Amino acid sequence: AKGIFKYLKEIGVQVSAEDITARGTSEGWNPEFTKKVVGWADKIA
């Protein structure tokens, strides 16, 4: 996940917390899992 977010940043793509949270909610991700993923994306951004 961290590699994905870092690579996206390198190619000029920003992933928002809203995008991650919306996907996590729609797919039934564990809320703590989603929170961690959002945190990594935010740190990298």
PDB file of all heavy atoms in Angstrom:
ATOM      1  N   ALA A   1       0.833  -1.211   0.000  1.00  0.00           N
ATOM      2  CA  ALA A   1       0.000   0.000   0.000  1.00  0.00           C
ATOM      3  C   ALA A   1       0.863   1.255   0.000  1.00  0.00           C
ATOM      4  O   ALA A   1       0.617   2.190  -0.774  1.00  0.00           O
ATOM      5  CB  ALA A   1      -0.939  -0.015   1.201  1.00  0.00           C
ATOM      6  N   LYS A   2       1.879   1.272   0.840  1.00  0.00           N
ATOM      7  CA  LYS A   2       2.766   2.439   0.875  1.00  0.00           C
ATOM      8  C   LYS A   2       3.467   2.620  -0.465  1.00  0.00           C
ATOM      9  O   LYS A   2       3.621   3.747  -0.953  1.00  0.00           O
ATOM     10  CB  LYS A   2       3.797   2.292   1.987  1.00  0.00           C
ATOM     11  CG  LYS A   2       3.215   2.446   3.381  1.00  0.00           C
ATOM     12  CD  LYS A   2       4.284   2.198   4.435  1.00  0.00           C
ATOM     13  CE  LYS A   2       3.788   2.372   5.839  1.00  0.00           C
ATOM     14  NZ  LYS A   2       4.842   2.058   6.834  1.00  0.00           N
ATOM     15  N   GLY A   3       3.898   1.523  -1.067  1.00  0.00           N
ATOM     16  CA  GLY A   3       4.540   1.590  -2.384  1.00  0.00           C
ATOM     17  C   GLY A   3       3.600   2.150  -3.438  1.00  0.00           C
ATOM     18  O   GLY A   3       4.015   2.958  -4.290  1.00  0.00           O
ATOM     19  N   ILE A   4       2.346   1.745  -3.384  1.00  0.00           N
ATOM     20  CA  ILE A   4       1.349   2.251  -4.332  1.00  0.00           C
ATOM     21  C   ILE A   4       1.207   3.763  -4.180  1.00  0.00           C
ATOM     22  O   ILE A   4       1.268   4.503  -5.169  1.00  0.00           O
ATOM     23  CB  ILE A   4      -0.009   1.547  -4.115  1.00  0.00           C
ATOM     24  CG1 ILE A   4       0.063   0.088  -4.603  1.00  0.00           C
ATOM     25  CG2 ILE A   4      -1.140   2.293  -4.819  1.00  0.00           C
ATOM     26  CD1 ILE A   4      -1.132  -0.768  -4.201  1.00  0.00           C
ATOM     27  N   PHE A   5       1.025   4.227  -2.954  1.00  0.00           N
ATOM     28  CA  PHE A   5       0.820   5.663  -2.741  1.00  0.00           C
ATOM     29  C   PHE A   5       2.061   6.473  -3.112  1.00  0.00           C
ATOM     30  O   PHE A   5       1.958   7.561  -3.684  1.00  0.00           O
ATOM     31  CB  PHE A   5       0.393   5.953  -1.303  1.00  0.00           C
ATOM     32  CG  PHE A   5      -0.945   5.355  -0.959  1.00  0.00           C
ATOM     33  CD1 PHE A   5      -1.127   4.656   0.214  1.00  0.00           C
ATOM     34  CD2 PHE A   5      -2.025   5.479  -1.813  1.00  0.00           C
ATOM     35  CE1 PHE A   5      -2.351   4.102   0.539  1.00  0.00           C
ATOM     36  CE2 PHE A   5      -3.264   4.933  -1.512  1.00  0.00           C
ATOM     37  CZ  PHE A   5      -3.431   4.241  -0.326  1.00  0.00           C
ATOM     38  N   LYS A   6       3.222   5.936  -2.795  1.00  0.00           N
ATOM     39  CA  LYS A   6       4.463   6.637  -3.143  1.00  0.00           C
ATOM     40  C   LYS A   6       4.613   6.733  -4.662  1.00  0.00           C
ATOM     41  O   LYS A   6       4.960   7.788  -5.200  1.00  0.00           O
ATOM     42  CB  LYS A   6       5.658   5.901  -2.531  1.00  0.00           C
ATOM     43  CG  LYS A   6       6.972   6.602  -2.769  1.00  0.00           C
ATOM     44  CD  LYS A   6       8.113   5.895  -2.093  1.00  0.00           C
ATOM     45  CE  LYS A   6       9.404   6.631  -2.408  1.00  0.00           C
ATOM     46  NZ  LYS A   6      10.558   5.801  -2.270  1.00  0.00           N
ATOM     47  N   TYR A   7       4.326   5.647  -5.355  1.00  0.00           N
ATOM     48  CA  TYR A   7       4.432   5.644  -6.810  1.00  0.00           C
ATOM     49  C   TYR A   7       3.416   6.605  -7.431  1.00  0.00           C
ATOM     50  O   TYR A   7       3.751   7.359  -8.348  1.00  0.00           O
ATOM     51  CB  TYR A   7       4.239   4.231  -7.360  1.00  0.00           C
ATOM     52  CG  TYR A   7       4.391   4.175  -8.855  1.00  0.00           C
ATOM     53  CD1 TYR A   7       5.642   4.335  -9.448  1.00  0.00           C
ATOM     54  CD2 TYR A   7       3.290   3.989  -9.681  1.00  0.00           C
ATOM     55  CE1 TYR A   7       5.787   4.303 -10.834  1.00  0.00           C
ATOM     56  CE2 TYR A   7       3.427   3.952 -11.060  1.00  0.00           C
ATOM     57  CZ  TYR A   7       4.677   4.109 -11.630  1.00  0.00           C
ATOM     58  OH  TYR A   7       4.817   4.086 -12.993  1.00  0.00           O
ATOM     59  N   LEU A   8       2.193   6.585  -6.928  1.00  0.00           N
ATOM     60  CA  LEU A   8       1.186   7.500  -7.457  1.00  0.00           C
ATOM     61  C   LEU A   8       1.630   8.951  -7.303  1.00  0.00           C
ATOM     62  O   LEU A   8       1.461   9.756  -8.217  1.00  0.00           O
ATOM     63  CB  LEU A   8      -0.167   7.277  -6.771  1.00  0.00           C
ATOM     64  CG  LEU A   8      -0.893   5.992  -7.146  1.00  0.00           C
ATOM     65  CD1 LEU A   8      -2.161   5.826  -6.306  1.00  0.00           C
ATOM     66  CD2 LEU A   8      -1.230   5.942  -8.627  1.00  0.00           C
ATOM     67  N   LYS A   9       2.215   9.254  -6.158  1.00  0.00           N
ATOM     68  CA  LYS A   9       2.708  10.622  -5.946  1.00  0.00           C
ATOM     69  C   LYS A   9       3.802  10.948  -6.962  1.00  0.00           C
ATOM     70  O   LYS A   9       3.837  12.050  -7.520  1.00  0.00           O
ATOM     71  CB  LYS A   9       3.220  10.796  -4.529  1.00  0.00           C
ATOM     72  CG  LYS A   9       3.700  12.217  -4.280  1.00  0.00           C
ATOM     73  CD  LYS A   9       4.063  12.450  -2.861  1.00  0.00           C
ATOM     74  CE  LYS A   9       4.664  13.832  -2.767  1.00  0.00           C
ATOM     75  NZ  LYS A   9       4.053  14.705  -1.884  1.00  0.00           N
ATOM     76  N   GLU A  10       4.700   9.989  -7.211  1.00  0.00           N
ATOM     77  CA  GLU A  10       5.786  10.198  -8.170  1.00  0.00           C
ATOM     78  C   GLU A  10       5.270  10.498  -9.568  1.00  0.00           C
ATOM     79  O   GLU A  10       5.895  11.253 -10.312  1.00  0.00           O
ATOM     80  CB  GLU A  10       6.702   8.968  -8.216  1.00  0.00           C
ATOM     81  CG  GLU A  10       7.559   8.788  -6.989  1.00  0.00           C
ATOM     82  CD  GLU A  10       8.307   7.459  -6.968  1.00  0.00           C
ATOM     83  OE1 GLU A  10       8.299   6.726  -7.992  1.00  0.00           O
ATOM     84  OE2 GLU A  10       8.888   7.139  -5.921  1.00  0.00           O
ATOM     85  N   ILE A  11       4.140   9.901  -9.928  1.00  0.00           N
ATOM     86  CA  ILE A  11       3.593  10.129 -11.273  1.00  0.00           C
ATOM     87  C   ILE A  11       2.531  11.230 -11.280  1.00  0.00           C
ATOM     88  O   ILE A  11       1.822  11.412 -12.263  1.00  0.00           O
ATOM     89  CB  ILE A  11       3.063   8.825 -11.916  1.00  0.00           C
ATOM     90  CG1 ILE A  11       1.923   8.211 -11.098  1.00  0.00           C
ATOM     91  CG2 ILE A  11       4.199   7.829 -12.128  1.00  0.00           C
ATOM     92  CD1 ILE A  11       1.249   7.019 -11.777  1.00  0.00           C
ATOM     93  N   GLY A  12       2.445  11.964 -10.154  1.00  0.00           N
ATOM     94  CA  GLY A  12       1.586  13.135 -10.093  1.00  0.00           C
ATOM     95  C   GLY A  12       0.120  12.885  -9.790  1.00  0.00           C
ATOM     96  O   GLY A  12      -0.726  13.707 -10.124  1.00  0.00           O
ATOM     97  N   VAL A  13      -0.181  11.761  -9.155  1.00  0.00           N
ATOM     98  CA  VAL A  13      -1.565  11.430  -8.823  1.00  0.00           C
ATOM     99  C   VAL A  13      -1.743  11.495  -7.315  1.00  0.00           C
ATOM    100  O   VAL A  13      -1.005  10.846  -6.577  1.00  0.00           O
ATOM    101  CB  VAL A  13      -1.938  10.017  -9.336  1.00  0.00           C
ATOM    102  CG1 VAL A  13      -3.351   9.650  -8.917  1.00  0.00           C
ATOM    103  CG2 VAL A  13      -1.768   9.935 -10.843  1.00  0.00           C
ATOM    104  N   GLN A  14      -2.715  12.285  -6.870  1.00  0.00           N
ATOM    105  CA  GLN A  14      -3.022  12.395  -5.443  1.00  0.00           C
ATOM    106  C   GLN A  14      -4.250  11.555  -5.119  1.00  0.00           C
ATOM    107  O   GLN A  14      -5.268  11.662  -5.789  1.00  0.00           O
ATOM    108  CB  GLN A  14      -3.305  13.846  -5.054  1.00  0.00           C
ATOM    109  CG  GLN A  14      -2.077  14.687  -4.948  1.00  0.00           C
ATOM    110  CD  GLN A  14      -1.223  14.356  -3.720  1.00  0.00           C
ATOM    111  OE1 GLN A  14      -1.438  13.402  -3.005  1.00  0.00           O
ATOM    112  NE2 GLN A  14      -0.230  15.168  -3.500  1.00  0.00           N
ATOM    113  N   VAL A  15      -4.142  10.752  -4.094  1.00  0.00           N
ATOM    114  CA  VAL A  15      -5.268   9.953  -3.615  1.00  0.00           C
ATOM    115  C   VAL A  15      -5.805  10.640  -2.366  1.00  0.00           C
ATOM    116  O   VAL A  15      -5.062  10.900  -1.427  1.00  0.00           O
ATOM    117  CB  VAL A  15      -4.827   8.515  -3.268  1.00  0.00           C
ATOM    118  CG1 VAL A  15      -6.018   7.688  -2.816  1.00  0.00           C
ATOM    119  CG2 VAL A  15      -4.144   7.861  -4.451  1.00  0.00           C
ATOM    120  N   SER A  16      -7.091  10.913  -2.367  1.00  0.00           N
ATOM    121  CA  SER A  16      -7.675  11.606  -1.221  1.00  0.00           C
ATOM    122  C   SER A  16      -8.166  10.618  -0.163  1.00  0.00           C
ATOM    123  O   SER A  16      -8.492   9.462  -0.465  1.00  0.00           O
ATOM    124  CB  SER A  16      -8.842  12.480  -1.666  1.00  0.00           C
ATOM    125  OG  SER A  16      -9.952  11.681  -2.024  1.00  0.00           O
ATOM    126  N   ALA A  17      -8.229  11.110   1.056  1.00  0.00           N
ATOM    127  CA  ALA A  17      -8.781  10.312   2.150  1.00  0.00           C
ATOM    128  C   ALA A  17     -10.223   9.931   1.843  1.00  0.00           C
ATOM    129  O   ALA A  17     -10.671   8.832   2.170  1.00  0.00           O
ATOM    130  CB  ALA A  17      -8.694  11.094   3.456  1.00  0.00           C
ATOM    131  N   GLU A  18     -10.936  10.826   1.182  1.00  0.00           N
ATOM    132  CA  GLU A  18     -12.335  10.565   0.835  1.00  0.00           C
ATOM    133  C   GLU A  18     -12.462   9.390  -0.129  1.00  0.00           C
ATOM    134  O   GLU A  18     -13.356   8.565   0.011  1.00  0.00           O
ATOM    135  CB  GLU A  18     -12.988  11.821   0.236  1.00  0.00           C
ATOM    136  CG  GLU A  18     -13.154  12.958   1.211  1.00  0.00           C
ATOM    137  CD  GLU A  18     -11.871  13.761   1.451  1.00  0.00           C
ATOM    138  OE1 GLU A  18     -10.927  13.709   0.606  1.00  0.00           O
ATOM    139  OE2 GLU A  18     -11.786  14.418   2.494  1.00  0.00           O
ATOM    140  N   ASP A  19     -11.554   9.324  -1.122  1.00  0.00           N
ATOM    141  CA  ASP A  19     -11.585   8.201  -2.074  1.00  0.00           C
ATOM    142  C   ASP A  19     -11.348   6.880  -1.358  1.00  0.00           C
ATOM    143  O   ASP A  19     -12.041   5.887  -1.607  1.00  0.00           O
ATOM    144  CB  ASP A  19     -10.524   8.376  -3.162  1.00  0.00           C
ATOM    145  CG  ASP A  19     -10.861   9.471  -4.174  1.00  0.00           C
ATOM    146  OD1 ASP A  19     -12.051   9.826  -4.305  1.00  0.00           O
ATOM    147  OD2 ASP A  19      -9.923   9.964  -4.826  1.00  0.00           O
ATOM    148  N   ILE A  20     -10.355   6.865  -0.482  1.00  0.00           N
ATOM    149  CA  ILE A  20     -10.010   5.633   0.243  1.00  0.00           C
ATOM    150  C   ILE A  20     -11.155   5.237   1.174  1.00  0.00           C
ATOM    151  O   ILE A  20     -11.567   4.069   1.206  1.00  0.00           O
ATOM    152  CB  ILE A  20      -8.706   5.804   1.032  1.00  0.00           C
ATOM    153  CG1 ILE A  20      -7.545   6.086   0.076  1.00  0.00           C
ATOM    154  CG2 ILE A  20      -8.426   4.567   1.886  1.00  0.00           C
ATOM    155  CD1 ILE A  20      -6.284   6.576   0.754  1.00  0.00           C
ATOM    156  N   THR A  21     -11.673   6.203   1.912  1.00  0.00           N
ATOM    157  CA  THR A  21     -12.750   5.919   2.859  1.00  0.00           C
ATOM    158  C   THR A  21     -14.001   5.436   2.134  1.00  0.00           C
ATOM    159  O   THR A  21     -14.657   4.476   2.578  1.00  0.00           O
ATOM    160  CB  THR A  21     -13.057   7.169   3.707  1.00  0.00           C
ATOM    161  OG1 THR A  21     -11.853   7.561   4.377  1.00  0.00           O
ATOM    162  CG2 THR A  21     -14.138   6.890   4.730  1.00  0.00           C
ATOM    163  N   ALA A  22     -14.331   6.061   1.026  1.00  0.00           N
ATOM    164  CA  ALA A  22     -15.513   5.640   0.260  1.00  0.00           C
ATOM    165  C   ALA A  22     -15.355   4.205  -0.233  1.00  0.00           C
ATOM    166  O   ALA A  22     -16.291   3.397  -0.132  1.00  0.00           O
ATOM    167  CB  ALA A  22     -15.748   6.588  -0.919  1.00  0.00           C
ATOM    168  N   ARG A  23     -14.165   3.869  -0.745  1.00  0.00           N
ATOM    169  CA  ARG A  23     -13.945   2.497  -1.216  1.00  0.00           C
ATOM    170  C   ARG A  23     -14.006   1.520  -0.046  1.00  0.00           C
ATOM    171  O   ARG A  23     -14.613   0.458  -0.134  1.00  0.00           O
ATOM    172  CB  ARG A  23     -12.602   2.383  -1.928  1.00  0.00           C
ATOM    173  CG  ARG A  23     -12.213   0.963  -2.348  1.00  0.00           C
ATOM    174  CD  ARG A  23     -13.208   0.314  -3.311  1.00  0.00           C
ATOM    175  NE  ARG A  23     -13.064   0.820  -4.640  1.00  0.00           N
ATOM    176  CZ  ARG A  23     -12.269   0.284  -5.560  1.00  0.00           C
ATOM    177  NH1 ARG A  23     -11.575  -0.791  -5.298  1.00  0.00           N
ATOM    178  NH2 ARG A  23     -12.199   0.851  -6.732  1.00  0.00           N
ATOM    179  N   GLY A  24     -13.358   1.878   1.051  1.00  0.00           N
ATOM    180  CA  GLY A  24     -13.366   1.008   2.219  1.00  0.00           C
ATOM    181  C   GLY A  24     -14.772   0.746   2.729  1.00  0.00           C
ATOM    182  O   GLY A  24     -15.121  -0.389   3.068  1.00  0.00           O
ATOM    183  N   THR A  25     -15.581   1.781   2.761  1.00  0.00           N
ATOM    184  CA  THR A  25     -16.963   1.628   3.224  1.00  0.00           C
ATOM    185  C   THR A  25     -17.763   0.761   2.262  1.00  0.00           C
ATOM    186  O   THR A  25     -18.472  -0.155   2.683  1.00  0.00           O
ATOM    187  CB  THR A  25     -17.629   3.015   3.378  1.00  0.00           C
ATOM    188  OG1 THR A  25     -16.870   3.782   4.323  1.00  0.00           O
ATOM    189  CG2 THR A  25     -19.063   2.896   3.848  1.00  0.00           C
ATOM    190  N   SER A  26     -17.635   1.020   0.974  1.00  0.00           N
ATOM    191  CA  SER A  26     -18.419   0.259  -0.014  1.00  0.00           C
ATOM    192  C   SER A  26     -17.992  -1.199  -0.099  1.00  0.00           C
ATOM    193  O   SER A  26     -18.813  -2.063  -0.406  1.00  0.00           O
ATOM    194  CB  SER A  26     -18.347   0.918  -1.390  1.00  0.00           C
ATOM    195  OG  SER A  26     -17.071   0.756  -1.969  1.00  0.00           O
ATOM    196  N   GLU A  27     -16.720  -1.473   0.194  1.00  0.00           N
ATOM    197  CA  GLU A  27     -16.213  -2.850   0.103  1.00  0.00           C
ATOM    198  C   GLU A  27     -16.227  -3.576   1.450  1.00  0.00           C
ATOM    199  O   GLU A  27     -15.859  -4.737   1.518  1.00  0.00           O
ATOM    200  CB  GLU A  27     -14.788  -2.845  -0.457  1.00  0.00           C
ATOM    201  CG  GLU A  27     -14.658  -2.312  -1.862  1.00  0.00           C
ATOM    202  CD  GLU A  27     -15.202  -3.248  -2.927  1.00  0.00           C
ATOM    203  OE1 GLU A  27     -15.445  -4.442  -2.631  1.00  0.00           O
ATOM    204  OE2 GLU A  27     -15.393  -2.792  -4.066  1.00  0.00           O
ATOM    205  N   GLY A  28     -16.598  -2.872   2.519  1.00  0.00           N
ATOM    206  CA  GLY A  28     -16.679  -3.510   3.831  1.00  0.00           C
ATOM    207  C   GLY A  28     -15.338  -3.723   4.512  1.00  0.00           C
ATOM    208  O   GLY A  28     -15.169  -4.658   5.285  1.00  0.00           O
ATOM    209  N   TRP A  29     -14.373  -2.833   4.244  1.00  0.00           N
ATOM    210  CA  TRP A  29     -13.072  -2.939   4.902  1.00  0.00           C
ATOM    211  C   TRP A  29     -13.243  -2.700   6.395  1.00  0.00           C
ATOM    212  O   TRP A  29     -14.112  -1.931   6.825  1.00  0.00           O
ATOM    213  CB  TRP A  29     -12.099  -1.902   4.366  1.00  0.00           C
ATOM    214  CG  TRP A  29     -11.717  -2.037   2.922  1.00  0.00           C
ATOM    215  CD1 TRP A  29     -12.102  -2.998   2.034  1.00  0.00           C
ATOM    216  CD2 TRP A  29     -10.884  -1.138   2.190  1.00  0.00           C
ATOM    217  NE1 TRP A  29     -11.556  -2.748   0.806  1.00  0.00           N
ATOM    218  CE2 TRP A  29     -10.803  -1.619   0.871  1.00  0.00           C
ATOM    219  CE3 TRP A  29     -10.206   0.018   2.522  1.00  0.00           C
ATOM    220  CZ2 TRP A  29     -10.059  -0.987  -0.121  1.00  0.00           C
ATOM    221  CZ3 TRP A  29      -9.472   0.660   1.540  1.00  0.00           C
ATOM    222  CH2 TRP A  29      -9.388   0.157   0.230  1.00  0.00           C
ATOM    223  N   ASN A  30     -12.394  -3.318   7.176  1.00  0.00           N
ATOM    224  CA  ASN A  30     -12.353  -3.049   8.605  1.00  0.00           C
ATOM    225  C   ASN A  30     -12.063  -1.555   8.783  1.00  0.00           C
ATOM    226  O   ASN A  30     -11.147  -1.028   8.153  1.00  0.00           O
ATOM    227  CB  ASN A  30     -11.252  -3.901   9.245  1.00  0.00           C
ATOM    228  CG  ASN A  30     -11.115  -3.682  10.724  1.00  0.00           C
ATOM    229  OD1 ASN A  30     -10.854  -2.578  11.182  1.00  0.00           O
ATOM    230  ND2 ASN A  30     -11.265  -4.758  11.479  1.00  0.00           N
ATOM    231  N   PRO A  31     -12.828  -0.850   9.622  1.00  0.00           N
ATOM    232  CA  PRO A  31     -12.609   0.593   9.784  1.00  0.00           C
ATOM    233  C   PRO A  31     -11.194   0.957  10.233  1.00  0.00           C
ATOM    234  O   PRO A  31     -10.657   1.987   9.797  1.00  0.00           O
ATOM    235  CB  PRO A  31     -13.629   0.989  10.858  1.00  0.00           C
ATOM    236  CG  PRO A  31     -14.687  -0.059  10.770  1.00  0.00           C
ATOM    237  CD  PRO A  31     -13.986  -1.319  10.380  1.00  0.00           C
ATOM    238  N   GLU A  32     -10.568   0.127  11.063  1.00  0.00           N
ATOM    239  CA  GLU A  32      -9.190   0.407  11.489  1.00  0.00           C
ATOM    240  C   GLU A  32      -8.212   0.214  10.331  1.00  0.00           C
ATOM    241  O   GLU A  32      -7.238   0.948  10.211  1.00  0.00           O
ATOM    242  CB  GLU A  32      -8.807  -0.465  12.687  1.00  0.00           C
ATOM    243  CG  GLU A  32      -9.536  -0.092  13.955  1.00  0.00           C
ATOM    244  CD  GLU A  32      -9.291   1.354  14.373  1.00  0.00           C
ATOM    245  OE1 GLU A  32      -8.119   1.789  14.394  1.00  0.00           O
ATOM    246  OE2 GLU A  32     -10.274   2.066  14.648  1.00  0.00           O
ATOM    247  N   PHE A  33      -8.457  -0.785   9.496  1.00  0.00           N
ATOM    248  CA  PHE A  33      -7.644  -0.994   8.297  1.00  0.00           C
ATOM    249  C   PHE A  33      -7.730   0.255   7.423  1.00  0.00           C
ATOM    250  O   PHE A  33      -6.712   0.795   6.983  1.00  0.00           O
ATOM    251  CB  PHE A  33      -8.150  -2.229   7.524  1.00  0.00           C
ATOM    252  CG  PHE A  33      -7.405  -2.496   6.242  1.00  0.00           C
ATOM    253  CD1 PHE A  33      -6.332  -3.371   6.212  1.00  0.00           C
ATOM    254  CD2 PHE A  33      -7.784  -1.896   5.045  1.00  0.00           C
ATOM    255  CE1 PHE A  33      -5.639  -3.631   5.028  1.00  0.00           C
ATOM    256  CE2 PHE A  33      -7.105  -2.140   3.864  1.00  0.00           C
ATOM    257  CZ  PHE A  33      -6.026  -3.011   3.857  1.00  0.00           C
ATOM    258  N   THR A  34      -8.958   0.721   7.195  1.00  0.00           N
ATOM    259  CA  THR A  34      -9.165   1.902   6.369  1.00  0.00           C
ATOM    260  C   THR A  34      -8.442   3.110   6.950  1.00  0.00           C
ATOM    261  O   THR A  34      -7.782   3.860   6.221  1.00  0.00           O
ATOM    262  CB  THR A  34     -10.669   2.203   6.228  1.00  0.00           C
ATOM    263  OG1 THR A  34     -11.326   1.038   5.703  1.00  0.00           O
ATOM    264  CG2 THR A  34     -10.915   3.376   5.302  1.00  0.00           C
ATOM    265  N   LYS A  35      -8.521   3.279   8.252  1.00  0.00           N
ATOM    266  CA  LYS A  35      -7.874   4.410   8.913  1.00  0.00           C
ATOM    267  C   LYS A  35      -6.361   4.359   8.711  1.00  0.00           C
ATOM    268  O   LYS A  35      -5.719   5.375   8.458  1.00  0.00           O
ATOM    269  CB  LYS A  35      -8.201   4.399  10.405  1.00  0.00           C
ATOM    270  CG  LYS A  35      -7.768   5.656  11.129  1.00  0.00           C
ATOM    271  CD  LYS A  35      -7.990   5.598  12.615  1.00  0.00           C
ATOM    272  CE  LYS A  35      -9.434   5.438  12.988  1.00  0.00           C
ATOM    273  NZ  LYS A  35      -9.654   5.483  14.451  1.00  0.00           N
ATOM    274  N   LYS A  36      -5.781   3.167   8.812  1.00  0.00           N
ATOM    275  CA  LYS A  36      -4.336   3.028   8.604  1.00  0.00           C
ATOM    276  C   LYS A  36      -3.955   3.380   7.163  1.00  0.00           C
ATOM    277  O   LYS A  36      -2.978   4.088   6.924  1.00  0.00           O
ATOM    278  CB  LYS A  36      -3.879   1.623   8.958  1.00  0.00           C
ATOM    279  CG  LYS A  36      -3.862   1.358  10.441  1.00  0.00           C
ATOM    280  CD  LYS A  36      -3.002   0.166  10.749  1.00  0.00           C
ATOM    281  CE  LYS A  36      -2.977  -0.125  12.224  1.00  0.00           C
ATOM    282  NZ  LYS A  36      -2.324   0.892  13.023  1.00  0.00           N
ATOM    283  N   VAL A  37      -4.724   2.886   6.211  1.00  0.00           N
ATOM    284  CA  VAL A  37      -4.436   3.157   4.802  1.00  0.00           C
ATOM    285  C   VAL A  37      -4.536   4.657   4.518  1.00  0.00           C
ATOM    286  O   VAL A  37      -3.673   5.232   3.846  1.00  0.00           O
ATOM    287  CB  VAL A  37      -5.370   2.333   3.882  1.00  0.00           C
ATOM    288  CG1 VAL A  37      -5.205   2.732   2.428  1.00  0.00           C
ATOM    289  CG2 VAL A  37      -5.095   0.831   4.051  1.00  0.00           C
ATOM    290  N   VAL A  38      -5.562   5.292   5.044  1.00  0.00           N
ATOM    291  CA  VAL A  38      -5.706   6.745   4.886  1.00  0.00           C
ATOM    292  C   VAL A  38      -4.502   7.462   5.496  1.00  0.00           C
ATOM    293  O   VAL A  38      -3.953   8.396   4.901  1.00  0.00           O
ATOM    294  CB  VAL A  38      -7.027   7.241   5.527  1.00  0.00           C
ATOM    295  CG1 VAL A  38      -7.030   8.756   5.668  1.00  0.00           C
ATOM    296  CG2 VAL A  38      -8.217   6.775   4.717  1.00  0.00           C
ATOM    297  N   GLY A  39      -4.062   7.014   6.659  1.00  0.00           N
ATOM    298  CA  GLY A  39      -2.905   7.629   7.317  1.00  0.00           C
ATOM    299  C   GLY A  39      -1.646   7.543   6.478  1.00  0.00           C
ATOM    300  O   GLY A  39      -0.895   8.520   6.374  1.00  0.00           O
ATOM    301  N   TRP A  40      -1.414   6.386   5.876  1.00  0.00           N
ATOM    302  CA  TRP A  40      -0.227   6.241   5.019  1.00  0.00           C
ATOM    303  C   TRP A  40      -0.326   7.160   3.815  1.00  0.00           C
ATOM    304  O   TRP A  40       0.654   7.802   3.441  1.00  0.00           O
ATOM    305  CB  TRP A  40      -0.053   4.804   4.561  1.00  0.00           C
ATOM    306  CG  TRP A  40       0.141   3.821   5.651  1.00  0.00           C
ATOM    307  CD1 TRP A  40       0.769   4.024   6.858  1.00  0.00           C
ATOM    308  CD2 TRP A  40      -0.304   2.465   5.667  1.00  0.00           C
ATOM    309  NE1 TRP A  40       0.740   2.875   7.605  1.00  0.00           N
ATOM    310  CE2 TRP A  40       0.090   1.908   6.909  1.00  0.00           C
ATOM    311  CE3 TRP A  40      -0.996   1.666   4.770  1.00  0.00           C
ATOM    312  CZ2 TRP A  40      -0.180   0.590   7.262  1.00  0.00           C
ATOM    313  CZ3 TRP A  40      -1.269   0.356   5.118  1.00  0.00           C
ATOM    314  CH2 TRP A  40      -0.860  -0.172   6.349  1.00  0.00           C
ATOM    315  N   ALA A  41      -1.485   7.199   3.184  1.00  0.00           N
ATOM    316  CA  ALA A  41      -1.662   8.058   2.008  1.00  0.00           C
ATOM    317  C   ALA A  41      -1.446   9.521   2.374  1.00  0.00           C
ATOM    318  O   ALA A  41      -0.788  10.259   1.633  1.00  0.00           O
ATOM    319  CB  ALA A  41      -3.053   7.845   1.411  1.00  0.00           C
ATOM    320  N   ASP A  42      -1.991   9.933   3.515  1.00  0.00           N
ATOM    321  CA  ASP A  42      -1.825  11.319   3.954  1.00  0.00           C
ATOM    322  C   ASP A  42      -0.366  11.656   4.246  1.00  0.00           C
ATOM    323  O   ASP A  42       0.113  12.729   3.881  1.00  0.00           O
ATOM    324  CB  ASP A  42      -2.677  11.602   5.195  1.00  0.00           C
ATOM    325  CG  ASP A  42      -4.161  11.712   4.879  1.00  0.00           C
ATOM    326  OD1 ASP A  42      -4.525  11.826   3.693  1.00  0.00           O
ATOM    327  OD2 ASP A  42      -4.962  11.670   5.841  1.00  0.00           O
ATOM    328  N   LYS A  43       0.346  10.734   4.896  1.00  0.00           N
ATOM    329  CA  LYS A  43       1.765  10.977   5.201  1.00  0.00           C
ATOM    330  C   LYS A  43       2.574  11.133   3.920  1.00  0.00           C
ATOM    331  O   LYS A  43       3.405  12.031   3.810  1.00  0.00           O
ATOM    332  CB  LYS A  43       2.344   9.819   6.028  1.00  0.00           C
ATOM    333  CG  LYS A  43       2.101   9.936   7.489  1.00  0.00           C
ATOM    334  CD  LYS A  43       2.846   8.829   8.208  1.00  0.00           C
ATOM    335  CE  LYS A  43       2.946   9.158   9.678  1.00  0.00           C
ATOM    336  NZ  LYS A  43       3.767   8.178  10.385  1.00  0.00           N
ATOM    337  N   ILE A  44       2.335  10.254   2.977  1.00  0.00           N
ATOM    338  CA  ILE A  44       3.084  10.307   1.721  1.00  0.00           C
ATOM    339  C   ILE A  44       2.736  11.584   0.958  1.00  0.00           C
ATOM    340  O   ILE A  44       3.614  12.256   0.419  1.00  0.00           O
ATOM    341  CB  ILE A  44       2.841   9.038   0.894  1.00  0.00           C
ATOM    342  CG1 ILE A  44       3.541   7.853   1.590  1.00  0.00           C
ATOM    343  CG2 ILE A  44       3.320   9.200  -0.546  1.00  0.00           C
ATOM    344  CD1 ILE A  44       3.183   6.495   1.074  1.00  0.00           C
ATOM    345  N   ALA A  45       1.475  11.954   0.952  1.00  0.00           N
ATOM    346  CA  ALA A  45       1.048  13.175   0.252  1.00  0.00           C
ATOM    347  C   ALA A  45       1.678  14.420   0.852  1.00  0.00           C
ATOM    348  O   ALA A  45       1.992  15.373   0.136  1.00  0.00           O
ATOM    349  CB  ALA A  45      -0.471  13.288   0.279  1.00  0.00           C
TER     350      ALA A  45
END
